[in-house]
Amino acid sequence: MASTVSTAACVPCSHVSANAVVVTWDGPDDPQDPFNWPSWKKWWTVGLGLLASFVCSMNGSILAVAHEAISHEFGISDDAFPHSYWITTSWGVGAALFPLVIFPAMEDWGVRPVVLGTYFCFVCLLIPIGFARTFATPRHGPGGCVPLMSDAVASIASNVFFRDKARSTPVALYVLIYLGATSLGPVLGAAILEHLPWRWIGHIELIVTSALFPVFCAGLPESRGSAILRAKAQKMRREGKKAYTAEEADSTPLQQRIIRSLTRPLYMLFTEWVVFVAAIWAAFSLGTIYLFTHSVGQVYGALYGWSPVQAGYIQSAIVVGEVLGTVLSLSTNHWYEALAARNTEVPGTPIPEARLYTAILGGFLGVTGGMLIYAWAAHAAVHWMVITVGLALVGAGTTAVVISIANYLIDAYSKYAASALAAVGLAENLSIAFLPLASSALYTDLGFQWASTLLAFASLALVATPFIVIKWGKEIRARSPFMKEAVIERQRDTGVVIDA
């Protein structure tokens, strides 16, 4: 197919000649535009991203079930400090910091090279785990790769699905796979540990991850429109034509664009009230999942005499809850769509705050309610299935909260959603790294009942924040320069211009 270029727009840049043209799509129906891909290709691309995210995300918690065996082999004691949690802490630190440095590359080079490059590095960094000779064998590298793989799914979804409604299901699956794989890690680790030494957890993970790499190389297409256009422009330049994309014509040096991409999430975290609250809530939710991962062995071991392997299996209840939380989020999408008629800013367009109704439901009934059950049913005389229901409710509520937050930020911040989500991801992974360090002391000093009750009270306080955002949503968006641009984009898309 012949490439059509826009000759109306000259390139205002010193390194591009004055008569150069800017490469654009061949009209609104260009089949190369990812928004115009057939449904099967969109879901194939998203599906491969979800598979990569699933395989990588299990790495964060799969070794947690083997902490006693690992500590015993290396002579590590948790008497003075929970040293055994270093396995997860080092992973979480890498997950928090690496994306801030590497994620901007996805915007400059495209999704495919970053995903494949990150996945290859992840495979290489898994090798030392099964062959570790010291307890301090680092896991920063694998941890840093995981959020890049997960964020790639969100990027792919936004690249191929145009409308907010179309993105709802991919975003929900993106959150489910990330949380579900994290919670499933101890279950799979327990299944391996029951029959093999702990090192085989690392070996099997390496084998499975390596085997899938050729699949991603062969099957994952580039989904970022700017990268596809850049490849088209490069082909035209090889043919002797003076053609560039709009991004290539940008005279801003690459290092400045990277610095801007690095600093924007941090700037938004501390200047955008909504992003800050969303980060705190999501960080608490994710940190609690990891905290429960470590408390389960302590609680079920003390109450029912279960082994670490048995405690690892019971965490499948959290996975069941996460699936139910995803179903809840998808089944309540009609709330979001029904409120479009009440939007006075852009009539016919749903209100971003409507995404938060499900978070209220999940936070109150799921997370807070589940924690209270997990707290006050924690008695040896009470059947283990009762507190397991509490675990499932926490999983369901956490998933509903995180999906709602992700959808709200995507809707409210539009083109700045990646930076908003990056800020939230930074807080989430720091919480994953450090909050569960308090698990053993918390449940030992306060007791099983009051430790979980304290967490329930914190969850209840966070559930109140969406009410503020819902009530004063329009005023909050009017004061945010980032959200104002999102409103303008919505007005441009719908052809309706109304003062924000």
Protein backbone atom coordinates (compact mmCIF):
# COMPACT_ATOMS: atom_id res chain seq x y z
CA MET A 1 0.00 0.00 0.00
CA ALA A 2 1.38 3.38 -0.98
CA SER A 3 2.10 5.78 1.83
CA THR A 4 0.33 9.10 1.88
CA VAL A 5 2.04 12.03 3.56
CA SER A 6 0.85 15.38 4.69
CA THR A 7 2.47 18.15 2.69
CA ALA A 8 0.64 20.91 4.48
CA ALA A 9 2.73 20.72 7.60
CA CYS A 10 6.34 21.73 7.22
CA VAL A 11 8.76 20.55 9.86
CA PRO A 12 9.87 23.39 12.15
CA CYS A 13 13.16 21.88 13.12
CA SER A 14 16.77 22.68 12.33
CA HIS A 15 17.76 19.10 11.53
CA VAL A 16 14.94 18.68 8.99
CA SER A 17 14.95 20.44 5.62
CA ALA A 18 12.28 23.03 4.92
CA ASN A 19 10.61 21.01 2.16
CA ALA A 20 10.27 17.84 4.24
CA VAL A 21 6.82 16.39 4.83
CA VAL A 22 5.24 14.80 7.90
CA VAL A 23 4.12 11.19 7.57
CA THR A 24 0.53 10.57 8.67
CA TRP A 25 -2.04 7.81 8.35
CA ASP A 26 -3.67 7.11 4.99
CA GLY A 27 -6.92 8.65 6.12
CA PRO A 28 -9.16 7.75 9.06
CA ASP A 29 -9.60 4.15 7.88
CA ASP A 30 -5.91 3.29 7.39
CA PRO A 31 -5.66 -0.44 8.28
CA GLN A 32 -2.16 0.11 9.66
CA ASP A 33 -3.57 2.37 12.37
CA PRO A 34 -3.94 0.10 15.45
CA PHE A 35 -7.34 1.66 16.16
CA ASN A 36 -8.49 0.18 12.84
CA TRP A 37 -7.11 -3.31 13.39
CA PRO A 38 -9.66 -6.16 13.32
CA SER A 39 -10.87 -7.27 16.74
CA TRP A 40 -8.99 -10.56 16.61
CA LYS A 41 -5.66 -8.77 16.09
CA LYS A 42 -6.35 -6.33 18.92
CA TRP A 43 -7.15 -9.12 21.35
CA TRP A 44 -4.27 -11.26 20.12
CA THR A 45 -1.88 -8.40 20.91
CA VAL A 46 -3.48 -7.68 24.29
CA GLY A 47 -3.57 -11.42 25.05
CA LEU A 48 0.16 -11.84 24.43
CA GLY A 49 0.81 -8.86 26.69
CA LEU A 50 -1.37 -10.38 29.40
CA LEU A 51 0.46 -13.70 29.11
CA ALA A 52 3.84 -11.99 29.46
CA SER A 53 2.57 -10.01 32.44
CA PHE A 54 1.18 -13.17 34.08
CA VAL A 55 4.41 -15.13 33.74
CA CYS A 56 6.54 -12.26 35.03
CA SER A 57 4.24 -11.10 37.84
CA MET A 58 4.33 -14.47 39.61
CA ASN A 59 8.02 -13.83 40.23
CA GLY A 60 7.20 -11.32 42.95
CA SER A 61 5.69 -13.81 45.37
CA ILE A 62 6.47 -17.33 44.16
CA LEU A 63 9.49 -17.64 46.47
CA ALA A 64 7.60 -16.34 49.53
CA VAL A 65 6.35 -19.81 50.42
CA ALA A 66 9.94 -21.10 50.58
CA HIS A 67 11.25 -18.46 52.99
CA GLU A 68 11.78 -20.97 55.82
CA ALA A 69 13.75 -23.37 53.60
CA ILE A 70 15.83 -20.51 52.18
CA SER A 71 16.53 -19.01 55.61
CA HIS A 72 17.52 -22.42 56.98
CA GLU A 73 19.96 -23.11 54.14
CA PHE A 74 21.69 -19.74 54.48
CA GLY A 75 21.50 -19.49 58.26
CA ILE A 76 19.21 -16.45 58.31
CA SER A 77 17.24 -15.61 61.45
CA ASP A 78 14.09 -13.48 61.71
CA ASP A 79 14.33 -13.10 65.49
CA ALA A 80 15.52 -9.48 65.43
CA PHE A 81 14.32 -8.44 61.97
CA PRO A 82 12.31 -10.11 59.16
CA HIS A 83 15.37 -10.74 57.01
CA SER A 84 13.59 -13.48 55.08
CA TYR A 85 11.40 -10.84 53.45
CA TRP A 86 14.47 -9.50 51.61
CA ILE A 87 13.41 -11.80 48.77
CA THR A 88 10.35 -9.64 48.18
CA THR A 89 11.74 -6.29 49.38
CA SER A 90 14.55 -6.27 46.83
CA TRP A 91 12.02 -7.22 44.16
CA GLY A 92 9.69 -4.36 45.18
CA VAL A 93 12.47 -1.74 45.22
CA GLY A 94 13.43 -2.66 41.66
CA ALA A 95 9.78 -2.60 40.62
CA ALA A 96 9.40 0.91 42.04
CA LEU A 97 12.51 2.51 40.54
CA PHE A 98 13.29 0.81 37.22
CA PRO A 99 10.12 1.88 35.34
CA LEU A 100 10.80 5.55 36.06
CA VAL A 101 14.02 5.23 34.07
CA ILE A 102 13.00 2.76 31.36
CA PHE A 103 9.29 3.38 30.76
CA PRO A 104 9.84 6.58 28.70
CA ALA A 105 11.64 4.41 26.15
CA MET A 106 8.30 2.83 25.27
CA GLU A 107 7.07 6.19 24.06
CA ASP A 108 10.20 6.84 21.96
CA TRP A 109 10.96 3.37 20.58
CA GLY A 110 7.58 1.64 20.63
CA VAL A 111 6.04 -1.16 22.67
CA ARG A 112 7.46 -4.22 20.86
CA PRO A 113 11.22 -3.53 21.28
CA VAL A 114 10.78 -2.51 24.93
CA VAL A 115 8.64 -5.56 25.76
CA LEU A 116 10.96 -8.02 24.03
CA GLY A 117 14.09 -6.37 25.42
CA THR A 118 12.67 -6.29 28.93
CA TYR A 119 11.47 -9.89 28.71
CA PHE A 120 14.89 -11.07 27.52
CA CYS A 121 16.57 -9.26 30.42
CA PHE A 122 14.02 -10.79 32.79
CA VAL A 123 14.91 -14.29 31.57
CA CYS A 124 18.62 -13.62 32.06
CA LEU A 125 18.08 -12.18 35.54
CA LEU A 126 16.15 -15.30 36.61
CA ILE A 127 19.22 -17.51 36.12
CA PRO A 128 20.96 -16.62 39.43
CA ILE A 129 17.88 -17.34 41.57
CA GLY A 130 17.97 -21.11 41.34
CA PHE A 131 21.79 -21.15 41.56
CA ALA A 132 22.09 -18.60 44.40
CA ARG A 133 25.14 -19.06 46.61
CA THR A 134 24.28 -16.29 49.08
CA PHE A 135 21.05 -15.10 50.65
CA ALA A 136 21.73 -11.60 49.33
CA THR A 137 21.43 -12.65 45.68
CA PRO A 138 19.63 -9.57 44.33
CA ARG A 139 16.15 -9.58 42.86
CA HIS A 140 16.05 -5.87 41.95
CA GLY A 141 16.49 -6.70 38.27
CA PRO A 142 13.61 -9.18 37.88
CA GLY A 143 11.44 -6.93 40.04
CA GLY A 144 12.21 -3.95 37.85
CA CYS A 145 11.21 -5.83 34.71
CA VAL A 146 7.78 -6.93 35.96
CA PRO A 147 5.97 -3.56 36.11
CA LEU A 148 7.35 -2.72 32.68
CA MET A 149 5.69 -5.84 31.32
CA SER A 150 2.44 -5.07 33.14
CA ASP A 151 2.45 -1.40 32.09
CA ALA A 152 2.99 -2.56 28.52
CA VAL A 153 -0.45 -4.22 28.64
CA ALA A 154 -2.07 -0.93 29.64
CA SER A 155 -0.13 0.79 26.86
CA ILE A 156 -1.22 -1.80 24.29
CA ALA A 157 -4.85 -1.46 25.37
CA SER A 158 -4.75 2.32 24.97
CA ASN A 159 -3.00 1.93 21.60
CA VAL A 160 -5.58 -0.38 20.02
CA PHE A 161 -8.87 0.51 21.77
CA PHE A 162 -10.03 4.06 21.13
CA ARG A 163 -12.98 4.75 23.43
CA ASP A 164 -13.10 4.53 27.22
CA LYS A 165 -15.89 1.95 27.04
CA ALA A 166 -13.80 -0.30 24.78
CA ARG A 167 -10.86 -0.08 27.18
CA SER A 168 -12.83 -1.13 30.25
CA THR A 169 -12.44 -4.88 29.75
CA PRO A 170 -8.72 -4.82 28.78
CA VAL A 171 -7.91 -2.59 31.77
CA ALA A 172 -9.86 -4.91 34.10
CA LEU A 173 -7.98 -7.93 32.73
CA TYR A 174 -4.68 -6.06 33.06
CA VAL A 175 -5.32 -5.52 36.79
CA LEU A 176 -6.65 -9.06 37.29
CA ILE A 177 -3.61 -10.67 35.68
CA TYR A 178 -1.19 -8.55 37.70
CA LEU A 179 -2.93 -9.15 41.04
CA GLY A 180 -3.96 -12.72 40.26
CA ALA A 181 -0.47 -13.77 39.23
CA THR A 182 0.95 -12.17 42.37
CA SER A 183 -1.51 -14.05 44.57
CA LEU A 184 -1.11 -17.28 42.61
CA GLY A 185 2.67 -17.20 43.06
CA PRO A 186 2.67 -18.76 46.56
CA VAL A 187 0.19 -21.43 45.40
CA LEU A 188 2.42 -22.55 42.54
CA GLY A 189 5.48 -22.20 44.76
CA ALA A 190 3.84 -24.50 47.32
CA ALA A 191 3.07 -27.10 44.63
CA ILE A 192 6.75 -27.14 43.60
CA LEU A 193 8.10 -27.04 47.15
CA GLU A 194 5.96 -30.00 48.16
CA HIS A 195 7.86 -32.27 45.77
CA LEU A 196 11.18 -30.55 45.02
CA PRO A 197 13.85 -28.44 46.79
CA TRP A 198 13.23 -24.68 46.84
CA ARG A 199 15.83 -24.02 44.12
CA TRP A 200 13.56 -25.76 41.62
CA ILE A 201 11.09 -22.92 42.00
CA GLY A 202 13.67 -20.70 40.30
CA HIS A 203 14.64 -23.38 37.77
CA ILE A 204 11.06 -24.14 36.69
CA GLU A 205 10.24 -20.46 36.44
CA LEU A 206 13.30 -19.95 34.23
CA ILE A 207 12.37 -22.88 31.97
CA VAL A 208 8.77 -21.75 31.46
CA THR A 209 9.69 -18.10 30.93
CA SER A 210 12.42 -18.98 28.42
CA ALA A 211 10.14 -21.30 26.47
CA LEU A 212 7.64 -18.49 25.87
CA PHE A 213 10.17 -15.96 24.59
CA PRO A 214 10.11 -17.21 20.95
CA VAL A 215 6.29 -16.97 21.03
CA PHE A 216 6.46 -13.28 21.91
CA CYS A 217 9.19 -12.62 19.34
CA ALA A 218 7.15 -14.20 16.57
CA GLY A 219 3.67 -13.08 17.55
CA LEU A 220 3.77 -9.63 19.18
CA PRO A 221 3.17 -6.81 16.67
CA GLU A 222 4.05 -3.17 17.24
CA SER A 223 0.95 -1.40 18.55
CA ARG A 224 2.16 2.14 19.14
CA GLY A 225 0.98 4.33 16.29
CA SER A 226 3.94 6.72 16.45
CA ALA A 227 6.38 3.80 16.15
CA ILE A 228 4.52 2.41 13.13
CA LEU A 229 4.61 5.82 11.46
CA ARG A 230 8.31 6.17 12.30
CA ALA A 231 9.04 2.86 10.58
CA LYS A 232 7.10 4.09 7.55
CA ALA A 233 9.07 7.35 7.50
CA GLN A 234 12.39 5.49 7.80
CA LYS A 235 11.46 3.32 4.82
CA MET A 236 10.65 6.43 2.80
CA ARG A 237 13.98 8.03 3.74
CA ARG A 238 15.81 4.92 2.55
CA GLU A 239 14.03 5.49 -0.75
CA GLY A 240 15.47 9.00 -0.90
CA LYS A 241 12.40 10.90 0.25
CA LYS A 242 12.51 13.63 2.89
CA ALA A 243 9.87 12.33 5.26
CA TYR A 244 9.58 12.49 9.02
CA THR A 245 6.95 11.88 11.67
CA ALA A 246 5.71 14.72 13.85
CA GLU A 247 7.66 13.30 16.82
CA GLU A 248 10.86 13.05 14.81
CA ALA A 249 10.37 16.67 13.81
CA ASP A 250 10.30 17.70 17.47
CA SER A 251 13.52 19.60 18.11
CA THR A 252 13.46 18.83 21.84
CA PRO A 253 16.57 16.72 22.63
CA LEU A 254 15.91 13.13 23.61
CA GLN A 255 17.48 13.56 27.04
CA GLN A 256 15.13 16.45 27.80
CA ARG A 257 12.11 14.39 26.79
CA ILE A 258 13.30 11.55 29.01
CA ILE A 259 13.87 13.91 31.95
CA ARG A 260 10.39 15.35 31.42
CA SER A 261 8.91 11.85 31.39
CA LEU A 262 10.81 10.97 34.56
CA THR A 263 9.85 14.06 36.52
CA ARG A 264 6.20 14.34 35.48
CA PRO A 265 5.00 11.32 37.54
CA LEU A 266 6.77 12.66 40.63
CA TYR A 267 5.43 16.16 39.99
CA MET A 268 1.90 14.84 39.59
CA LEU A 269 2.22 12.67 42.71
CA PHE A 270 2.91 15.69 44.90
CA THR A 271 0.83 18.39 43.14
CA GLU A 272 -2.26 16.49 41.97
CA TRP A 273 -4.39 15.75 45.03
CA VAL A 274 -6.33 13.03 43.19
CA VAL A 275 -3.16 11.23 42.10
CA PHE A 276 -1.75 11.39 45.63
CA VAL A 277 -4.88 9.90 47.21
CA ALA A 278 -5.16 7.26 44.48
CA ALA A 279 -1.51 6.33 45.07
CA ILE A 280 -2.05 5.99 48.84
CA TRP A 281 -5.16 3.86 48.37
CA ALA A 282 -3.65 1.62 45.70
CA ALA A 283 -0.41 1.30 47.68
CA PHE A 284 -2.32 0.24 50.78
CA SER A 285 -4.34 -2.29 48.75
CA LEU A 286 -1.32 -3.88 47.04
CA GLY A 287 0.81 -3.76 50.18
CA THR A 288 -1.96 -5.50 52.10
CA ILE A 289 -2.10 -8.33 49.57
CA TYR A 290 1.62 -8.95 50.11
CA LEU A 291 1.26 -8.48 53.87
CA PHE A 292 -1.47 -11.12 53.90
CA THR A 293 0.74 -13.39 51.81
CA HIS A 294 3.18 -13.43 54.72
CA SER A 295 0.63 -13.35 57.53
CA VAL A 296 -1.23 -16.40 56.22
CA GLY A 297 1.60 -18.75 57.20
CA GLN A 298 1.73 -17.20 60.67
CA VAL A 299 -2.04 -17.22 61.24
CA TYR A 300 -2.89 -20.65 59.80
CA GLY A 301 0.23 -22.17 61.33
CA ALA A 302 -0.59 -20.95 64.84
CA LEU A 303 -4.34 -21.64 64.71
CA TYR A 304 -4.47 -24.89 62.75
CA GLY A 305 -0.90 -26.18 62.76
CA TRP A 306 -0.55 -25.86 58.99
CA SER A 307 2.80 -26.11 57.20
CA PRO A 308 4.09 -23.35 54.89
CA VAL A 309 3.07 -25.49 51.90
CA GLN A 310 -0.51 -25.81 53.15
CA ALA A 311 -0.62 -22.08 53.87
CA GLY A 312 0.63 -21.45 50.36
CA TYR A 313 -2.23 -23.45 48.85
CA ILE A 314 -4.88 -21.57 50.85
CA GLN A 315 -3.89 -18.33 49.15
CA SER A 316 -5.75 -19.55 46.09
CA ALA A 317 -8.75 -18.06 47.92
CA ILE A 318 -7.33 -14.60 47.24
CA VAL A 319 -7.12 -15.47 43.53
CA VAL A 320 -10.75 -16.59 43.53
CA GLY A 321 -11.67 -13.30 45.17
CA GLU A 322 -9.70 -11.34 42.57
CA VAL A 323 -11.62 -13.05 39.77
CA LEU A 324 -14.90 -12.17 41.50
CA GLY A 325 -13.70 -8.57 41.92
CA THR A 326 -13.05 -8.36 38.18
CA VAL A 327 -16.53 -9.73 37.44
CA LEU A 328 -17.97 -7.09 39.77
CA SER A 329 -16.07 -4.32 38.00
CA LEU A 330 -17.19 -5.44 34.55
CA SER A 331 -20.80 -5.95 35.65
CA THR A 332 -21.02 -2.40 37.01
CA ASN A 333 -19.72 -0.70 33.86
CA HIS A 334 -23.32 0.22 33.01
CA TRP A 335 -23.30 2.60 35.99
CA TYR A 336 -20.50 4.49 34.30
CA GLU A 337 -22.23 4.52 30.93
CA ALA A 338 -25.65 5.48 32.35
CA LEU A 339 -24.25 8.70 33.82
CA ALA A 340 -23.21 10.01 30.39
CA ALA A 341 -26.58 11.72 29.98
CA ARG A 342 -25.97 13.71 33.17
CA ASN A 343 -22.60 15.10 32.03
CA THR A 344 -22.99 18.86 31.50
CA GLU A 345 -19.34 19.34 30.46
CA VAL A 346 -19.37 17.06 27.42
CA PRO A 347 -22.92 15.74 26.87
CA GLY A 348 -23.07 12.08 25.97
CA THR A 349 -19.65 11.39 27.50
CA PRO A 350 -19.45 9.48 30.81
CA ILE A 351 -18.22 11.33 33.88
CA PRO A 352 -14.79 10.08 35.04
CA GLU A 353 -15.83 10.07 38.72
CA ALA A 354 -18.48 7.46 37.90
CA ARG A 355 -15.64 4.93 37.76
CA LEU A 356 -15.26 5.24 41.55
CA TYR A 357 -18.64 3.81 42.59
CA THR A 358 -17.30 0.29 42.24
CA ALA A 359 -14.24 1.24 44.32
CA ILE A 360 -16.52 2.31 47.17
CA LEU A 361 -18.37 -0.99 47.03
CA GLY A 362 -15.15 -3.01 46.83
CA GLY A 363 -13.36 -1.02 49.51
CA PHE A 364 -16.19 -1.12 52.02
CA LEU A 365 -17.67 -4.59 51.62
CA GLY A 366 -14.63 -6.32 50.18
CA VAL A 367 -11.45 -5.01 51.76
CA THR A 368 -12.82 -3.64 55.06
CA GLY A 369 -15.41 -6.40 55.51
CA GLY A 370 -12.95 -9.13 54.54
CA MET A 371 -10.34 -7.85 56.95
CA LEU A 372 -12.83 -7.82 59.83
CA ILE A 373 -13.80 -11.43 59.07
CA TYR A 374 -10.12 -12.39 58.84
CA ALA A 375 -9.63 -10.63 62.17
CA TRP A 376 -12.45 -11.79 64.41
CA ALA A 377 -12.89 -15.31 63.04
CA ALA A 378 -9.22 -16.00 63.79
CA HIS A 379 -9.79 -18.54 66.57
CA ALA A 380 -8.77 -22.18 66.62
CA ALA A 381 -12.37 -23.14 67.43
CA VAL A 382 -13.62 -21.47 64.24
CA HIS A 383 -13.36 -23.51 61.04
CA TRP A 384 -10.52 -22.42 58.76
CA MET A 385 -12.96 -21.87 55.92
CA VAL A 386 -14.44 -18.82 57.67
CA ILE A 387 -11.26 -16.74 57.71
CA THR A 388 -10.55 -18.01 54.22
CA VAL A 389 -13.77 -16.30 53.10
CA GLY A 390 -12.27 -13.13 54.59
CA LEU A 391 -9.18 -13.60 52.42
CA ALA A 392 -11.34 -14.02 49.31
CA LEU A 393 -13.29 -10.85 50.12
CA VAL A 394 -10.05 -8.89 50.51
CA GLY A 395 -8.92 -10.16 47.11
CA ALA A 396 -12.24 -9.20 45.51
CA GLY A 397 -12.32 -5.75 47.11
CA THR A 398 -8.71 -4.96 46.28
CA THR A 399 -9.22 -5.85 42.63
CA ALA A 400 -12.35 -3.72 42.39
CA VAL A 401 -10.52 -0.77 43.97
CA VAL A 402 -7.44 -1.00 41.75
CA ILE A 403 -9.48 -1.44 38.54
CA SER A 404 -11.63 1.58 39.44
CA ILE A 405 -8.61 3.73 40.22
CA ALA A 406 -6.88 2.75 36.97
CA ASN A 407 -9.99 3.46 34.88
CA TYR A 408 -10.61 6.76 36.64
CA LEU A 409 -7.06 8.01 36.10
CA ILE A 410 -7.14 6.97 32.43
CA ASP A 411 -10.43 8.80 31.90
CA ALA A 412 -9.60 11.89 33.95
CA TYR A 413 -6.03 12.46 32.75
CA SER A 414 -6.25 11.17 29.17
CA LYS A 415 -2.82 11.61 27.55
CA TYR A 416 -1.20 12.12 30.98
CA ALA A 417 -2.69 8.89 32.30
CA ALA A 418 0.62 7.05 31.84
CA SER A 419 2.35 9.53 34.15
CA ALA A 420 -0.48 9.32 36.69
CA LEU A 421 -0.36 5.52 36.64
CA ALA A 422 3.44 5.61 36.92
CA ALA A 423 3.11 7.73 40.08
CA VAL A 424 0.62 5.26 41.51
CA GLY A 425 2.87 2.35 40.52
CA LEU A 426 5.81 3.91 42.34
CA ALA A 427 3.78 4.11 45.56
CA GLU A 428 2.38 0.60 45.06
CA ASN A 429 5.77 -1.05 44.67
CA LEU A 430 7.36 0.83 47.56
CA SER A 431 4.45 -0.39 49.67
CA ILE A 432 4.98 -3.94 48.41
CA ALA A 433 8.65 -3.65 49.34
CA PHE A 434 8.30 -2.27 52.85
CA LEU A 435 4.77 -2.59 54.31
CA PRO A 436 4.88 -6.39 54.70
CA LEU A 437 8.09 -6.04 56.76
CA ALA A 438 5.73 -5.18 59.62
CA SER A 439 3.63 -8.35 59.15
CA SER A 440 5.31 -10.58 61.71
CA ALA A 441 5.65 -7.89 64.39
CA LEU A 442 2.12 -6.60 63.74
CA TYR A 443 0.45 -9.96 64.14
CA THR A 444 2.68 -10.96 67.05
CA ASP A 445 2.42 -7.75 69.11
CA LEU A 446 -1.23 -6.84 68.45
CA GLY A 447 -2.54 -10.34 68.04
CA PHE A 448 -4.36 -11.77 65.05
CA GLN A 449 -7.64 -9.97 65.82
CA TRP A 450 -6.41 -6.41 66.39
CA ALA A 451 -3.73 -6.50 63.70
CA SER A 452 -6.29 -7.13 60.97
CA THR A 453 -8.75 -4.75 62.63
CA LEU A 454 -6.20 -1.94 62.46
CA LEU A 455 -5.83 -2.58 58.73
CA ALA A 456 -9.64 -2.62 58.38
CA PHE A 457 -9.88 0.82 60.02
CA ALA A 458 -7.25 2.18 57.60
CA SER A 459 -9.23 0.73 54.70
CA LEU A 460 -12.44 2.30 55.99
CA ALA A 461 -10.79 5.73 56.12
CA LEU A 462 -9.62 5.39 52.52
CA VAL A 463 -13.12 4.40 51.36
CA ALA A 464 -14.29 7.90 52.32
CA THR A 465 -12.04 9.63 49.78
CA PRO A 466 -14.04 8.75 46.61
CA PHE A 467 -17.08 10.53 48.06
CA ILE A 468 -15.07 13.77 48.07
CA VAL A 469 -13.91 13.25 44.48
CA ILE A 470 -17.44 12.40 43.31
CA LYS A 471 -19.02 15.43 45.03
CA TRP A 472 -16.44 17.99 43.87
CA GLY A 473 -15.19 16.24 40.77
CA LYS A 474 -15.87 19.09 38.36
CA GLU A 475 -14.15 21.62 40.63
CA ILE A 476 -11.14 19.32 41.08
CA ARG A 477 -10.78 18.89 37.33
CA ALA A 478 -11.15 22.63 36.76
CA ARG A 479 -8.15 23.31 39.01
CA SER A 480 -5.93 20.67 37.42
CA PRO A 481 -4.04 21.74 34.25
CA PHE A 482 -3.60 18.07 33.34
CA MET A 483 -7.31 17.28 33.66
CA LYS A 484 -8.29 20.43 31.74
CA GLU A 485 -6.49 19.08 28.68
CA ALA A 486 -8.45 15.85 29.00
CA VAL A 487 -11.73 17.80 28.96
CA ILE A 488 -10.61 19.72 25.87
CA GLU A 489 -9.73 16.45 24.12
CA ARG A 490 -13.15 15.00 24.93
CA GLN A 491 -14.84 18.11 23.61
CA ARG A 492 -12.78 17.93 20.41
CA ASP A 493 -13.61 14.23 19.94
CA THR A 494 -17.34 14.82 20.36
CA GLY A 495 -17.47 18.16 18.54
CA VAL A 496 -19.06 19.80 21.57
CA VAL A 497 -17.39 22.86 23.08
CA ILE A 498 -18.56 23.80 26.57
CA ASP A 499 -16.72 25.78 29.21
CA ALA A 500 -15.17 23.37 31.75
